[in-house]
ModelCIF file with pLDDT and N, C-alpha, C, O atoms, coordinates in Angstrom:
data_MODEL
#
_entry.id   MODEL 
#
_entity.id                         1 
_entity.type                       polymer 
_entity.pdbx_number_of_molecules   1 
#
_entity_poly.entity_id                      1 
_entity_poly.type                           'polypeptide(L)' 
_entity_poly.nstd_linkage                   no 
_entity_poly.nstd_monomer                   no 
_entity_poly.pdbx_seq_one_letter_code       
;(UNK)(UNK)(UNK)(UNK)(UNK)(UNK)(UNK)(UNK)(UNK)(UNK)(UNK)(UNK)(UNK)(UNK)(UNK)(UNK)
(UNK)(UNK)(UNK)(UNK)(UNK)(UNK)(UNK)(UNK)(UNK)(UNK)(UNK)(UNK)(UNK)(UNK)(UNK)(UNK)
(UNK)(UNK)(UNK)(UNK)(UNK)(UNK)(UNK)(UNK)(UNK)(UNK)(UNK)(UNK)(UNK)(UNK)(UNK)(UNK)
;
_entity_poly.pdbx_seq_one_letter_code_can   XXXXXXXXXXXXXXXXXXXXXXXXXXXXXXXXXXXXXXXXXXXXXXXX 
_entity_poly.pdbx_strand_id                 A 
#
loop_
_entity_poly_seq.entity_id 
_entity_poly_seq.num 
_entity_poly_seq.mon_id 
_entity_poly_seq.hetero 
1 1  UNK n 
1 2  UNK n 
1 3  UNK n 
1 4  UNK n 
1 5  UNK n 
1 6  UNK n 
1 7  UNK n 
1 8  UNK n 
1 9  UNK n 
1 10 UNK n 
1 11 UNK n 
1 12 UNK n 
1 13 UNK n 
1 14 UNK n 
1 15 UNK n 
1 16 UNK n 
1 17 UNK n 
1 18 UNK n 
1 19 UNK n 
1 20 UNK n 
1 21 UNK n 
1 22 UNK n 
1 23 UNK n 
1 24 UNK n 
1 25 UNK n 
1 26 UNK n 
1 27 UNK n 
1 28 UNK n 
1 29 UNK n 
1 30 UNK n 
1 31 UNK n 
1 32 UNK n 
1 33 UNK n 
1 34 UNK n 
1 35 UNK n 
1 36 UNK n 
1 37 UNK n 
1 38 UNK n 
1 39 UNK n 
1 40 UNK n 
1 41 UNK n 
1 42 UNK n 
1 43 UNK n 
1 44 UNK n 
1 45 UNK n 
1 46 UNK n 
1 47 UNK n 
1 48 UNK n 
#
_struct_asym.id          A 
_struct_asym.entity_id   1 
#
loop_
_ma_qa_metric.id 
_ma_qa_metric.mode 
_ma_qa_metric.name 
_ma_qa_metric.software_group_id 
_ma_qa_metric.type 
1 global pLDDT . pLDDT 
2 local  pLDDT . pLDDT 
#
_ma_qa_metric_global.metric_id      1 
_ma_qa_metric_global.metric_value   57.56 
_ma_qa_metric_global.model_id       1 
_ma_qa_metric_global.ordinal_id     1 
#
loop_
_ma_qa_metric_local.label_asym_id 
_ma_qa_metric_local.label_comp_id 
_ma_qa_metric_local.label_seq_id 
_ma_qa_metric_local.metric_id 
_ma_qa_metric_local.metric_value 
_ma_qa_metric_local.model_id 
_ma_qa_metric_local.ordinal_id 
A UNK 1  2 34.00 1 1  
A UNK 2  2 36.00 1 2  
A UNK 3  2 34.00 1 3  
A UNK 4  2 34.00 1 4  
A UNK 5  2 35.00 1 5  
A UNK 6  2 37.00 1 6  
A UNK 7  2 33.00 1 7  
A UNK 8  2 33.00 1 8  
A UNK 9  2 36.00 1 9  
A UNK 10 2 36.00 1 10 
A UNK 11 2 35.00 1 11 
A UNK 12 2 35.00 1 12 
A UNK 13 2 39.00 1 13 
A UNK 14 2 34.00 1 14 
A UNK 15 2 33.00 1 15 
A UNK 16 2 31.00 1 16 
A UNK 17 2 33.00 1 17 
A UNK 18 2 33.00 1 18 
A UNK 19 2 34.00 1 19 
A UNK 20 2 34.00 1 20 
A UNK 21 2 34.00 1 21 
A UNK 22 2 35.00 1 22 
A UNK 23 2 38.00 1 23 
A UNK 24 2 39.00 1 24 
A UNK 25 2 42.00 1 25 
A UNK 26 2 46.00 1 26 
A UNK 27 2 64.00 1 27 
A UNK 28 2 67.00 1 28 
A UNK 29 2 75.00 1 29 
A UNK 30 2 80.00 1 30 
A UNK 31 2 83.00 1 31 
A UNK 32 2 80.00 1 32 
A UNK 33 2 84.00 1 33 
A UNK 34 2 87.00 1 34 
A UNK 35 2 90.00 1 35 
A UNK 36 2 88.00 1 36 
A UNK 37 2 89.00 1 37 
A UNK 38 2 91.00 1 38 
A UNK 39 2 91.00 1 39 
A UNK 40 2 89.00 1 40 
A UNK 41 2 83.00 1 41 
A UNK 42 2 83.00 1 42 
A UNK 43 2 85.00 1 43 
A UNK 44 2 85.00 1 44 
A UNK 45 2 84.00 1 45 
A UNK 46 2 85.00 1 46 
A UNK 47 2 87.00 1 47 
A UNK 48 2 90.00 1 48 
#
loop_
_atom_site.group_PDB 
_atom_site.id 
_atom_site.type_symbol 
_atom_site.label_atom_id 
_atom_site.label_alt_id 
_atom_site.label_comp_id 
_atom_site.label_asym_id 
_atom_site.label_entity_id 
_atom_site.label_seq_id 
_atom_site.pdbx_PDB_ins_code 
_atom_site.Cartn_x 
_atom_site.Cartn_y 
_atom_site.Cartn_z 
_atom_site.occupancy 
_atom_site.B_iso_or_equiv 
_atom_site.pdbx_formal_charge 
_atom_site.auth_seq_id 
_atom_site.auth_comp_id 
_atom_site.auth_asym_id 
_atom_site.auth_atom_id 
_atom_site.pdbx_PDB_model_num 
ATOM 1   N N  . UNK A 1 1  ? 184.851 164.861 90.229 1.00 34.00 ? 1  UNK A N  1 
ATOM 2   C CA . UNK A 1 1  ? 184.642 163.335 90.893 1.00 34.00 ? 1  UNK A CA 1 
ATOM 3   C C  . UNK A 1 1  ? 185.814 162.210 90.780 1.00 34.00 ? 1  UNK A C  1 
ATOM 4   O O  . UNK A 1 1  ? 186.603 162.178 89.835 1.00 34.00 ? 1  UNK A O  1 
ATOM 5   N N  . UNK A 1 2  ? 185.824 161.352 91.794 1.00 36.00 ? 2  UNK A N  1 
ATOM 6   C CA . UNK A 1 2  ? 186.856 160.165 91.643 1.00 36.00 ? 2  UNK A CA 1 
ATOM 7   C C  . UNK A 1 2  ? 187.128 159.652 90.226 1.00 36.00 ? 2  UNK A C  1 
ATOM 8   O O  . UNK A 1 2  ? 188.212 159.696 89.644 1.00 36.00 ? 2  UNK A O  1 
ATOM 9   N N  . UNK A 1 3  ? 185.937 159.143 89.748 1.00 34.00 ? 3  UNK A N  1 
ATOM 10  C CA . UNK A 1 3  ? 186.164 158.408 88.612 1.00 34.00 ? 3  UNK A CA 1 
ATOM 11  C C  . UNK A 1 3  ? 186.546 159.474 87.495 1.00 34.00 ? 3  UNK A C  1 
ATOM 12  O O  . UNK A 1 3  ? 186.913 158.940 86.448 1.00 34.00 ? 3  UNK A O  1 
ATOM 13  N N  . UNK A 1 4  ? 186.540 160.693 87.488 1.00 34.00 ? 4  UNK A N  1 
ATOM 14  C CA . UNK A 1 4  ? 187.127 161.723 86.343 1.00 34.00 ? 4  UNK A CA 1 
ATOM 15  C C  . UNK A 1 4  ? 188.448 161.855 86.733 1.00 34.00 ? 4  UNK A C  1 
ATOM 16  O O  . UNK A 1 4  ? 189.223 161.907 85.778 1.00 34.00 ? 4  UNK A O  1 
ATOM 17  N N  . UNK A 1 5  ? 189.010 161.935 87.954 1.00 35.00 ? 5  UNK A N  1 
ATOM 18  C CA . UNK A 1 5  ? 190.224 161.986 88.381 1.00 35.00 ? 5  UNK A CA 1 
ATOM 19  C C  . UNK A 1 5  ? 191.188 160.787 87.675 1.00 35.00 ? 5  UNK A C  1 
ATOM 20  O O  . UNK A 1 5  ? 192.305 160.827 87.161 1.00 35.00 ? 5  UNK A O  1 
ATOM 21  N N  . UNK A 1 6  ? 190.354 159.858 87.867 1.00 37.00 ? 6  UNK A N  1 
ATOM 22  C CA . UNK A 1 6  ? 190.949 158.577 87.416 1.00 37.00 ? 6  UNK A CA 1 
ATOM 23  C C  . UNK A 1 6  ? 190.977 158.471 85.815 1.00 37.00 ? 6  UNK A C  1 
ATOM 24  O O  . UNK A 1 6  ? 191.905 157.955 85.191 1.00 37.00 ? 6  UNK A O  1 
ATOM 25  N N  . UNK A 1 7  ? 190.102 158.899 85.375 1.00 33.00 ? 7  UNK A N  1 
ATOM 26  C CA . UNK A 1 7  ? 190.198 158.868 83.819 1.00 33.00 ? 7  UNK A CA 1 
ATOM 27  C C  . UNK A 1 7  ? 191.426 160.036 83.116 1.00 33.00 ? 7  UNK A C  1 
ATOM 28  O O  . UNK A 1 7  ? 192.136 159.925 82.116 1.00 33.00 ? 7  UNK A O  1 
ATOM 29  N N  . UNK A 1 8  ? 191.302 161.083 84.067 1.00 33.00 ? 8  UNK A N  1 
ATOM 30  C CA . UNK A 1 8  ? 192.592 162.183 83.694 1.00 33.00 ? 8  UNK A CA 1 
ATOM 31  C C  . UNK A 1 8  ? 193.727 161.629 83.941 1.00 33.00 ? 8  UNK A C  1 
ATOM 32  O O  . UNK A 1 8  ? 194.615 161.852 83.117 1.00 33.00 ? 8  UNK A O  1 
ATOM 33  N N  . UNK A 1 9  ? 194.046 160.770 85.098 1.00 36.00 ? 9  UNK A N  1 
ATOM 34  C CA . UNK A 1 9  ? 195.478 160.031 85.218 1.00 36.00 ? 9  UNK A CA 1 
ATOM 35  C C  . UNK A 1 9  ? 195.693 159.289 84.384 1.00 36.00 ? 9  UNK A C  1 
ATOM 36  O O  . UNK A 1 9  ? 196.771 159.365 83.794 1.00 36.00 ? 9  UNK A O  1 
ATOM 37  N N  . UNK A 1 10 ? 194.735 158.298 84.034 1.00 36.00 ? 10 UNK A N  1 
ATOM 38  C CA . UNK A 1 10 ? 194.912 157.016 82.962 1.00 36.00 ? 10 UNK A CA 1 
ATOM 39  C C  . UNK A 1 10 ? 195.546 157.613 81.814 1.00 36.00 ? 10 UNK A C  1 
ATOM 40  O O  . UNK A 1 10 ? 196.564 157.098 81.351 1.00 36.00 ? 10 UNK A O  1 
ATOM 41  N N  . UNK A 1 11 ? 194.985 158.766 81.254 1.00 35.00 ? 11 UNK A N  1 
ATOM 42  C CA . UNK A 1 11 ? 195.316 159.220 79.858 1.00 35.00 ? 11 UNK A CA 1 
ATOM 43  C C  . UNK A 1 11 ? 196.707 160.073 80.005 1.00 35.00 ? 11 UNK A C  1 
ATOM 44  O O  . UNK A 1 11 ? 197.559 160.034 79.117 1.00 35.00 ? 11 UNK A O  1 
ATOM 45  N N  . UNK A 1 12 ? 196.857 160.803 81.133 1.00 35.00 ? 12 UNK A N  1 
ATOM 46  C CA . UNK A 1 12 ? 197.863 161.577 81.162 1.00 35.00 ? 12 UNK A CA 1 
ATOM 47  C C  . UNK A 1 12 ? 199.186 160.590 81.186 1.00 35.00 ? 12 UNK A C  1 
ATOM 48  O O  . UNK A 1 12 ? 200.076 161.033 80.461 1.00 35.00 ? 12 UNK A O  1 
ATOM 49  N N  . UNK A 1 13 ? 199.520 159.362 81.849 1.00 39.00 ? 13 UNK A N  1 
ATOM 50  C CA . UNK A 1 13 ? 200.479 158.834 82.209 1.00 39.00 ? 13 UNK A CA 1 
ATOM 51  C C  . UNK A 1 13 ? 200.630 157.926 80.622 1.00 39.00 ? 13 UNK A C  1 
ATOM 52  O O  . UNK A 1 13 ? 199.894 156.989 80.312 1.00 39.00 ? 13 UNK A O  1 
ATOM 53  N N  . UNK A 1 14 ? 201.682 158.435 79.823 1.00 34.00 ? 14 UNK A N  1 
ATOM 54  C CA . UNK A 1 14 ? 202.228 157.686 78.723 1.00 34.00 ? 14 UNK A CA 1 
ATOM 55  C C  . UNK A 1 14 ? 203.545 157.059 78.826 1.00 34.00 ? 14 UNK A C  1 
ATOM 56  O O  . UNK A 1 14 ? 204.482 157.846 78.963 1.00 34.00 ? 14 UNK A O  1 
ATOM 57  N N  . UNK A 1 15 ? 203.828 155.756 78.787 1.00 33.00 ? 15 UNK A N  1 
ATOM 58  C CA . UNK A 1 15 ? 205.285 155.289 78.928 1.00 33.00 ? 15 UNK A CA 1 
ATOM 59  C C  . UNK A 1 15 ? 206.119 155.768 78.108 1.00 33.00 ? 15 UNK A C  1 
ATOM 60  O O  . UNK A 1 15 ? 205.725 156.466 77.175 1.00 33.00 ? 15 UNK A O  1 
ATOM 61  N N  . UNK A 1 16 ? 207.540 155.464 78.309 1.00 31.00 ? 16 UNK A N  1 
ATOM 62  C CA . UNK A 1 16 ? 208.523 156.078 77.512 1.00 31.00 ? 16 UNK A CA 1 
ATOM 63  C C  . UNK A 1 16 ? 209.240 154.946 76.989 1.00 31.00 ? 16 UNK A C  1 
ATOM 64  O O  . UNK A 1 16 ? 210.411 155.118 76.652 1.00 31.00 ? 16 UNK A O  1 
ATOM 65  N N  . UNK A 1 17 ? 208.701 153.798 76.870 1.00 33.00 ? 17 UNK A N  1 
ATOM 66  C CA . UNK A 1 17 ? 209.441 152.374 76.506 1.00 33.00 ? 17 UNK A CA 1 
ATOM 67  C C  . UNK A 1 17 ? 208.481 151.988 75.658 1.00 33.00 ? 17 UNK A C  1 
ATOM 68  O O  . UNK A 1 17 ? 207.454 152.661 75.571 1.00 33.00 ? 17 UNK A O  1 
ATOM 69  N N  . UNK A 1 18 ? 208.679 150.757 74.842 1.00 33.00 ? 18 UNK A N  1 
ATOM 70  C CA . UNK A 1 18 ? 207.598 150.159 74.188 1.00 33.00 ? 18 UNK A CA 1 
ATOM 71  C C  . UNK A 1 18 ? 206.800 148.956 74.956 1.00 33.00 ? 18 UNK A C  1 
ATOM 72  O O  . UNK A 1 18 ? 206.302 147.946 74.459 1.00 33.00 ? 18 UNK A O  1 
ATOM 73  N N  . UNK A 1 19 ? 206.831 149.367 76.291 1.00 34.00 ? 19 UNK A N  1 
ATOM 74  C CA . UNK A 1 19 ? 205.752 148.356 76.987 1.00 34.00 ? 19 UNK A CA 1 
ATOM 75  C C  . UNK A 1 19 ? 204.421 149.143 77.530 1.00 34.00 ? 19 UNK A C  1 
ATOM 76  O O  . UNK A 1 19 ? 204.428 150.348 77.779 1.00 34.00 ? 19 UNK A O  1 
ATOM 77  N N  . UNK A 1 20 ? 203.605 148.537 77.635 1.00 34.00 ? 20 UNK A N  1 
ATOM 78  C CA . UNK A 1 20 ? 202.250 149.041 78.194 1.00 34.00 ? 20 UNK A CA 1 
ATOM 79  C C  . UNK A 1 20 ? 202.436 149.118 79.449 1.00 34.00 ? 20 UNK A C  1 
ATOM 80  O O  . UNK A 1 20 ? 203.128 148.312 80.071 1.00 34.00 ? 20 UNK A O  1 
ATOM 81  N N  . UNK A 1 21 ? 201.594 150.501 80.170 1.00 34.00 ? 21 UNK A N  1 
ATOM 82  C CA . UNK A 1 21 ? 202.029 150.743 81.506 1.00 34.00 ? 21 UNK A CA 1 
ATOM 83  C C  . UNK A 1 21 ? 200.562 150.467 82.110 1.00 34.00 ? 21 UNK A C  1 
ATOM 84  O O  . UNK A 1 21 ? 200.359 150.767 83.287 1.00 34.00 ? 21 UNK A O  1 
ATOM 85  N N  . UNK A 1 22 ? 199.612 149.946 81.389 1.00 35.00 ? 22 UNK A N  1 
ATOM 86  C CA . UNK A 1 22 ? 198.257 150.078 82.310 1.00 35.00 ? 22 UNK A CA 1 
ATOM 87  C C  . UNK A 1 22 ? 197.675 148.672 82.035 1.00 35.00 ? 22 UNK A C  1 
ATOM 88  O O  . UNK A 1 22 ? 197.993 147.928 81.108 1.00 35.00 ? 22 UNK A O  1 
ATOM 89  N N  . UNK A 1 23 ? 196.895 148.474 82.870 1.00 38.00 ? 23 UNK A N  1 
ATOM 90  C CA . UNK A 1 23 ? 195.871 147.454 82.798 1.00 38.00 ? 23 UNK A CA 1 
ATOM 91  C C  . UNK A 1 23 ? 196.732 146.067 83.127 1.00 38.00 ? 23 UNK A C  1 
ATOM 92  O O  . UNK A 1 23 ? 196.240 144.974 82.848 1.00 38.00 ? 23 UNK A O  1 
ATOM 93  N N  . UNK A 1 24 ? 197.631 146.143 83.544 1.00 39.00 ? 24 UNK A N  1 
ATOM 94  C CA . UNK A 1 24 ? 198.527 145.197 84.286 1.00 39.00 ? 24 UNK A CA 1 
ATOM 95  C C  . UNK A 1 24 ? 199.613 144.320 83.161 1.00 39.00 ? 24 UNK A C  1 
ATOM 96  O O  . UNK A 1 24 ? 200.297 143.345 83.472 1.00 39.00 ? 24 UNK A O  1 
ATOM 97  N N  . UNK A 1 25 ? 199.550 144.912 81.922 1.00 42.00 ? 25 UNK A N  1 
ATOM 98  C CA . UNK A 1 25 ? 200.271 144.439 80.814 1.00 42.00 ? 25 UNK A CA 1 
ATOM 99  C C  . UNK A 1 25 ? 201.634 144.971 81.059 1.00 42.00 ? 25 UNK A C  1 
ATOM 100 O O  . UNK A 1 25 ? 201.724 146.186 80.880 1.00 42.00 ? 25 UNK A O  1 
ATOM 101 N N  . UNK A 1 26 ? 202.594 144.429 81.384 1.00 46.00 ? 26 UNK A N  1 
ATOM 102 C CA . UNK A 1 26 ? 204.100 145.079 81.481 1.00 46.00 ? 26 UNK A CA 1 
ATOM 103 C C  . UNK A 1 26 ? 204.956 144.454 80.673 1.00 46.00 ? 26 UNK A C  1 
ATOM 104 O O  . UNK A 1 26 ? 206.098 144.912 80.710 1.00 46.00 ? 26 UNK A O  1 
ATOM 105 N N  . UNK A 1 27 ? 204.713 143.255 79.715 1.00 64.00 ? 27 UNK A N  1 
ATOM 106 C CA . UNK A 1 27 ? 205.725 142.486 78.818 1.00 64.00 ? 27 UNK A CA 1 
ATOM 107 C C  . UNK A 1 27 ? 205.219 142.779 77.587 1.00 64.00 ? 27 UNK A C  1 
ATOM 108 O O  . UNK A 1 27 ? 204.010 142.912 77.395 1.00 64.00 ? 27 UNK A O  1 
ATOM 109 N N  . UNK A 1 28 ? 206.095 142.895 76.690 1.00 67.00 ? 28 UNK A N  1 
ATOM 110 C CA . UNK A 1 28 ? 205.912 143.136 75.125 1.00 67.00 ? 28 UNK A CA 1 
ATOM 111 C C  . UNK A 1 28 ? 205.122 141.603 74.602 1.00 67.00 ? 28 UNK A C  1 
ATOM 112 O O  . UNK A 1 28 ? 204.108 141.572 73.904 1.00 67.00 ? 28 UNK A O  1 
ATOM 113 N N  . UNK A 1 29 ? 205.694 140.664 75.008 1.00 75.00 ? 29 UNK A N  1 
ATOM 114 C CA . UNK A 1 29 ? 205.391 139.461 74.410 1.00 75.00 ? 29 UNK A CA 1 
ATOM 115 C C  . UNK A 1 29 ? 204.056 139.239 75.004 1.00 75.00 ? 29 UNK A C  1 
ATOM 116 O O  . UNK A 1 29 ? 203.398 138.664 74.137 1.00 75.00 ? 29 UNK A O  1 
ATOM 117 N N  . UNK A 1 30 ? 203.312 139.424 76.100 1.00 80.00 ? 30 UNK A N  1 
ATOM 118 C CA . UNK A 1 30 ? 202.259 139.143 76.565 1.00 80.00 ? 30 UNK A CA 1 
ATOM 119 C C  . UNK A 1 30 ? 201.089 140.033 75.837 1.00 80.00 ? 30 UNK A C  1 
ATOM 120 O O  . UNK A 1 30 ? 199.966 139.669 75.490 1.00 80.00 ? 30 UNK A O  1 
ATOM 121 N N  . UNK A 1 31 ? 201.748 141.387 75.713 1.00 83.00 ? 31 UNK A N  1 
ATOM 122 C CA . UNK A 1 31 ? 201.050 142.324 74.927 1.00 83.00 ? 31 UNK A CA 1 
ATOM 123 C C  . UNK A 1 31 ? 200.658 142.029 73.811 1.00 83.00 ? 31 UNK A C  1 
ATOM 124 O O  . UNK A 1 31 ? 199.482 142.289 73.558 1.00 83.00 ? 31 UNK A O  1 
ATOM 125 N N  . UNK A 1 32 ? 201.543 141.357 72.711 1.00 80.00 ? 32 UNK A N  1 
ATOM 126 C CA . UNK A 1 32 ? 201.456 140.943 71.540 1.00 80.00 ? 32 UNK A CA 1 
ATOM 127 C C  . UNK A 1 32 ? 200.780 139.715 71.315 1.00 80.00 ? 32 UNK A C  1 
ATOM 128 O O  . UNK A 1 32 ? 200.485 139.361 70.174 1.00 80.00 ? 32 UNK A O  1 
ATOM 129 N N  . UNK A 1 33 ? 200.431 138.828 72.639 1.00 84.00 ? 33 UNK A N  1 
ATOM 130 C CA . UNK A 1 33 ? 199.632 137.872 72.458 1.00 84.00 ? 33 UNK A CA 1 
ATOM 131 C C  . UNK A 1 33 ? 198.175 138.135 72.694 1.00 84.00 ? 33 UNK A C  1 
ATOM 132 O O  . UNK A 1 33 ? 197.215 137.532 72.214 1.00 84.00 ? 33 UNK A O  1 
ATOM 133 N N  . UNK A 1 34 ? 198.192 139.238 73.599 1.00 87.00 ? 34 UNK A N  1 
ATOM 134 C CA . UNK A 1 34 ? 196.700 139.911 73.795 1.00 87.00 ? 34 UNK A CA 1 
ATOM 135 C C  . UNK A 1 34 ? 196.186 140.482 72.450 1.00 87.00 ? 34 UNK A C  1 
ATOM 136 O O  . UNK A 1 34 ? 194.967 140.424 72.286 1.00 87.00 ? 34 UNK A O  1 
ATOM 137 N N  . UNK A 1 35 ? 196.851 140.962 71.578 1.00 90.00 ? 35 UNK A N  1 
ATOM 138 C CA . UNK A 1 35 ? 196.624 141.832 70.496 1.00 90.00 ? 35 UNK A CA 1 
ATOM 139 C C  . UNK A 1 35 ? 196.250 140.687 69.609 1.00 90.00 ? 35 UNK A C  1 
ATOM 140 O O  . UNK A 1 35 ? 195.113 140.725 69.138 1.00 90.00 ? 35 UNK A O  1 
ATOM 141 N N  . UNK A 1 36 ? 196.988 139.717 69.316 1.00 88.00 ? 36 UNK A N  1 
ATOM 142 C CA . UNK A 1 36 ? 196.934 138.716 68.129 1.00 88.00 ? 36 UNK A CA 1 
ATOM 143 C C  . UNK A 1 36 ? 195.612 137.966 68.471 1.00 88.00 ? 36 UNK A C  1 
ATOM 144 O O  . UNK A 1 36 ? 194.880 137.523 67.585 1.00 88.00 ? 36 UNK A O  1 
ATOM 145 N N  . UNK A 1 37 ? 195.312 137.833 69.957 1.00 89.00 ? 37 UNK A N  1 
ATOM 146 C CA . UNK A 1 37 ? 193.950 136.986 69.971 1.00 89.00 ? 37 UNK A CA 1 
ATOM 147 C C  . UNK A 1 37 ? 192.951 137.837 69.874 1.00 89.00 ? 37 UNK A C  1 
ATOM 148 O O  . UNK A 1 37 ? 191.930 137.376 70.385 1.00 89.00 ? 37 UNK A O  1 
ATOM 149 N N  . UNK A 1 38 ? 192.791 139.176 69.308 1.00 91.00 ? 38 UNK A N  1 
ATOM 150 C CA . UNK A 1 38 ? 191.774 139.799 68.741 1.00 91.00 ? 38 UNK A CA 1 
ATOM 151 C C  . UNK A 1 38 ? 191.605 139.904 67.306 1.00 91.00 ? 38 UNK A C  1 
ATOM 152 O O  . UNK A 1 38 ? 190.706 140.529 66.743 1.00 91.00 ? 38 UNK A O  1 
ATOM 153 N N  . UNK A 1 39 ? 192.604 139.195 66.718 1.00 91.00 ? 39 UNK A N  1 
ATOM 154 C CA . UNK A 1 39 ? 192.484 139.343 65.139 1.00 91.00 ? 39 UNK A CA 1 
ATOM 155 C C  . UNK A 1 39 ? 191.876 137.727 64.564 1.00 91.00 ? 39 UNK A C  1 
ATOM 156 O O  . UNK A 1 39 ? 192.200 136.627 65.011 1.00 91.00 ? 39 UNK A O  1 
ATOM 157 N N  . UNK A 1 40 ? 191.157 137.951 63.729 1.00 89.00 ? 40 UNK A N  1 
ATOM 158 C CA . UNK A 1 40 ? 190.452 136.782 63.184 1.00 89.00 ? 40 UNK A CA 1 
ATOM 159 C C  . UNK A 1 40 ? 190.454 136.976 61.689 1.00 89.00 ? 40 UNK A C  1 
ATOM 160 O O  . UNK A 1 40 ? 190.134 135.943 61.101 1.00 89.00 ? 40 UNK A O  1 
ATOM 161 N N  . UNK A 1 41 ? 190.707 137.948 60.944 1.00 83.00 ? 41 UNK A N  1 
ATOM 162 C CA . UNK A 1 41 ? 190.441 138.039 59.795 1.00 83.00 ? 41 UNK A CA 1 
ATOM 163 C C  . UNK A 1 41 ? 191.375 138.949 59.101 1.00 83.00 ? 41 UNK A C  1 
ATOM 164 O O  . UNK A 1 41 ? 191.697 139.962 59.722 1.00 83.00 ? 41 UNK A O  1 
ATOM 165 N N  . UNK A 1 42 ? 191.942 138.736 57.741 1.00 83.00 ? 42 UNK A N  1 
ATOM 166 C CA . UNK A 1 42 ? 192.811 139.947 56.972 1.00 83.00 ? 42 UNK A CA 1 
ATOM 167 C C  . UNK A 1 42 ? 191.795 140.702 55.919 1.00 83.00 ? 42 UNK A C  1 
ATOM 168 O O  . UNK A 1 42 ? 192.260 141.462 55.069 1.00 83.00 ? 42 UNK A O  1 
ATOM 169 N N  . UNK A 1 43 ? 190.713 140.510 55.997 1.00 85.00 ? 43 UNK A N  1 
ATOM 170 C CA . UNK A 1 43 ? 189.881 141.057 54.853 1.00 85.00 ? 43 UNK A CA 1 
ATOM 171 C C  . UNK A 1 43 ? 189.826 142.809 55.112 1.00 85.00 ? 43 UNK A C  1 
ATOM 172 O O  . UNK A 1 43 ? 189.827 143.421 56.180 1.00 85.00 ? 43 UNK A O  1 
ATOM 173 N N  . UNK A 1 44 ? 189.785 143.250 53.916 1.00 85.00 ? 44 UNK A N  1 
ATOM 174 C CA . UNK A 1 44 ? 189.507 144.886 54.256 1.00 85.00 ? 44 UNK A CA 1 
ATOM 175 C C  . UNK A 1 44 ? 188.259 145.128 54.285 1.00 85.00 ? 44 UNK A C  1 
ATOM 176 O O  . UNK A 1 44 ? 187.911 145.671 55.333 1.00 85.00 ? 44 UNK A O  1 
ATOM 177 N N  . UNK A 1 45 ? 187.305 144.906 53.419 1.00 84.00 ? 45 UNK A N  1 
ATOM 178 C CA . UNK A 1 45 ? 185.951 144.922 53.191 1.00 84.00 ? 45 UNK A CA 1 
ATOM 179 C C  . UNK A 1 45 ? 185.410 146.237 52.695 1.00 84.00 ? 45 UNK A C  1 
ATOM 180 O O  . UNK A 1 45 ? 184.215 146.492 52.543 1.00 84.00 ? 45 UNK A O  1 
ATOM 181 N N  . UNK A 1 46 ? 186.488 147.095 52.446 1.00 85.00 ? 46 UNK A N  1 
ATOM 182 C CA . UNK A 1 46 ? 186.149 148.376 51.560 1.00 85.00 ? 46 UNK A CA 1 
ATOM 183 C C  . UNK A 1 46 ? 187.196 148.989 50.881 1.00 85.00 ? 46 UNK A C  1 
ATOM 184 O O  . UNK A 1 46 ? 188.307 148.515 51.119 1.00 85.00 ? 46 UNK A O  1 
ATOM 185 N N  . UNK A 1 47 ? 187.135 149.961 50.060 1.00 87.00 ? 47 UNK A N  1 
ATOM 186 C CA . UNK A 1 47 ? 188.293 150.493 49.319 1.00 87.00 ? 47 UNK A CA 1 
ATOM 187 C C  . UNK A 1 47 ? 188.761 151.492 50.521 1.00 87.00 ? 47 UNK A C  1 
ATOM 188 O O  . UNK A 1 47 ? 187.926 152.165 51.124 1.00 87.00 ? 47 UNK A O  1 
ATOM 189 N N  . UNK A 1 48 ? 189.906 151.534 50.774 1.00 90.00 ? 48 UNK A N  1 
ATOM 190 C CA . UNK A 1 48 ? 190.664 152.307 52.041 1.00 90.00 ? 48 UNK A CA 1 
ATOM 191 C C  . UNK A 1 48 ? 191.319 153.785 51.408 1.00 90.00 ? 48 UNK A C  1 
ATOM 192 O O  . UNK A 1 48 ? 191.936 154.552 52.146 1.00 90.00 ? 48 UNK A O  1 
#
């Protein structure tokens, strides 16, 4: 099925640089900004 082909192709393509190659993110600075936007705490919460 088309959606399964999309799944396969999206997971097969891994970039050879430090940039993200999917989801429209092509800049390290932009990627870092998006990741930091998801971070709200530095607590562990349990013994690791």
